[in-house]
Amino acid sequence: MNDNTDPAVRVGDQIGSGKKLEFKLTIETGHGGDTDHNRVEELISLAFNDILYDEVFTDALQAKEYISSTVVRLDKQNG
């Protein structure tokens, strides 16, 4: 993932004839409560899949062959 704190898109290396777009999402909450990190990750992934099937979103991507996505919690990725 992009370590930059700016929420801007980063266009990564070309994958075959495709592109790789990476975004960083930050969620902040107040103190208290026990966050179910796995459930939050699952819900973000589900919501993101809904976006991928949105016609306006896919038109903006202009993807010709496929659209694939991955949601990874950064603290899981780093250790």
Protein backbone atom coordinates (compact mmCIF):
# COMPACT_ATOMS: atom_id res chain seq x y z
CA MET A 1 0.00 0.00 0.00
CA ASN A 2 0.96 3.61 -0.39
CA ASP A 3 2.55 5.01 2.79
CA ASN A 4 1.72 8.57 1.74
CA THR A 5 -0.81 10.20 4.08
CA ASP A 6 -2.44 12.09 1.22
CA PRO A 7 -5.74 10.46 0.17
CA ALA A 8 -4.73 10.87 -3.48
CA VAL A 9 -4.72 8.06 -5.98
CA ARG A 10 -1.44 6.55 -7.02
CA VAL A 11 -1.18 4.92 -10.42
CA GLY A 12 1.27 2.07 -10.00
CA ASP A 13 3.24 -0.05 -12.40
CA GLN A 14 1.48 -1.27 -15.49
CA ILE A 15 0.13 -4.82 -15.15
CA GLY A 16 0.09 -6.23 -18.65
CA SER A 17 -2.12 -3.78 -20.49
CA GLY A 18 -3.88 -2.68 -17.28
CA LYS A 19 -3.35 -0.20 -14.49
CA LYS A 20 -3.08 -0.48 -10.73
CA LEU A 21 -4.79 2.20 -8.63
CA GLU A 22 -4.13 2.33 -4.89
CA PHE A 23 -5.98 4.42 -2.32
CA LYS A 24 -5.48 4.75 1.40
CA LEU A 25 -8.62 4.85 3.55
CA THR A 26 -8.33 6.16 7.11
CA ILE A 27 -11.07 5.58 9.68
CA GLU A 28 -10.89 7.40 13.00
CA THR A 29 -13.18 6.82 15.97
CA GLY A 30 -13.48 8.11 19.50
CA HIS A 31 -12.23 6.13 22.47
CA GLY A 32 -14.10 3.19 23.92
CA GLY A 33 -15.66 0.05 22.59
CA ASP A 34 -14.11 -3.05 21.14
CA THR A 35 -13.74 -2.78 17.38
CA ASP A 36 -14.31 -6.00 15.45
CA HIS A 37 -11.47 -5.42 12.98
CA ASN A 38 -12.24 -8.50 10.91
CA ARG A 39 -15.89 -7.51 10.51
CA VAL A 40 -14.97 -3.93 9.60
CA GLU A 41 -12.54 -5.23 6.96
CA GLU A 42 -15.23 -7.56 5.60
CA LEU A 43 -17.80 -4.73 5.41
CA ILE A 44 -15.35 -2.42 3.63
CA SER A 45 -14.62 -5.16 1.13
CA LEU A 46 -18.34 -5.75 0.51
CA ALA A 47 -19.01 -2.03 0.09
CA PHE A 48 -16.08 -1.72 -2.29
CA ASN A 49 -17.39 -4.62 -4.38
CA ASP A 50 -20.69 -2.74 -4.71
CA ILE A 51 -18.76 0.24 -6.07
CA LEU A 52 -16.96 -1.95 -8.61
CA TYR A 53 -20.30 -3.01 -10.12
CA ASP A 54 -21.63 0.56 -10.26
CA GLU A 55 -22.02 1.65 -13.88
CA VAL A 56 -20.79 5.21 -13.25
CA PHE A 57 -17.67 3.87 -11.49
CA THR A 58 -16.86 1.36 -14.23
CA ASP A 59 -17.38 4.06 -16.89
CA ALA A 60 -14.88 6.27 -15.05
CA LEU A 61 -12.34 3.42 -14.89
CA GLN A 62 -12.68 2.67 -18.59
CA ALA A 63 -11.52 -0.89 -17.89
CA LYS A 64 -11.69 -2.99 -21.05
CA GLU A 65 -10.92 -6.50 -19.83
CA TYR A 66 -11.46 -6.91 -16.10
CA ILE A 67 -11.73 -5.15 -12.75
CA SER A 68 -10.18 -6.75 -9.67
CA SER A 69 -9.87 -5.43 -6.13
CA THR A 70 -8.23 -6.32 -2.84
CA VAL A 71 -8.93 -4.91 0.62
CA VAL A 72 -6.11 -5.44 3.14
CA ARG A 73 -5.97 -3.99 6.63
CA LEU A 74 -2.59 -2.23 6.87
CA ASP A 75 -1.69 -3.57 10.32
CA LYS A 76 -2.24 -7.13 8.99
CA GLN A 77 -0.06 -6.38 5.98
CA ASN A 78 2.79 -4.97 8.08
CA GLY A 79 2.96 -7.72 10.63
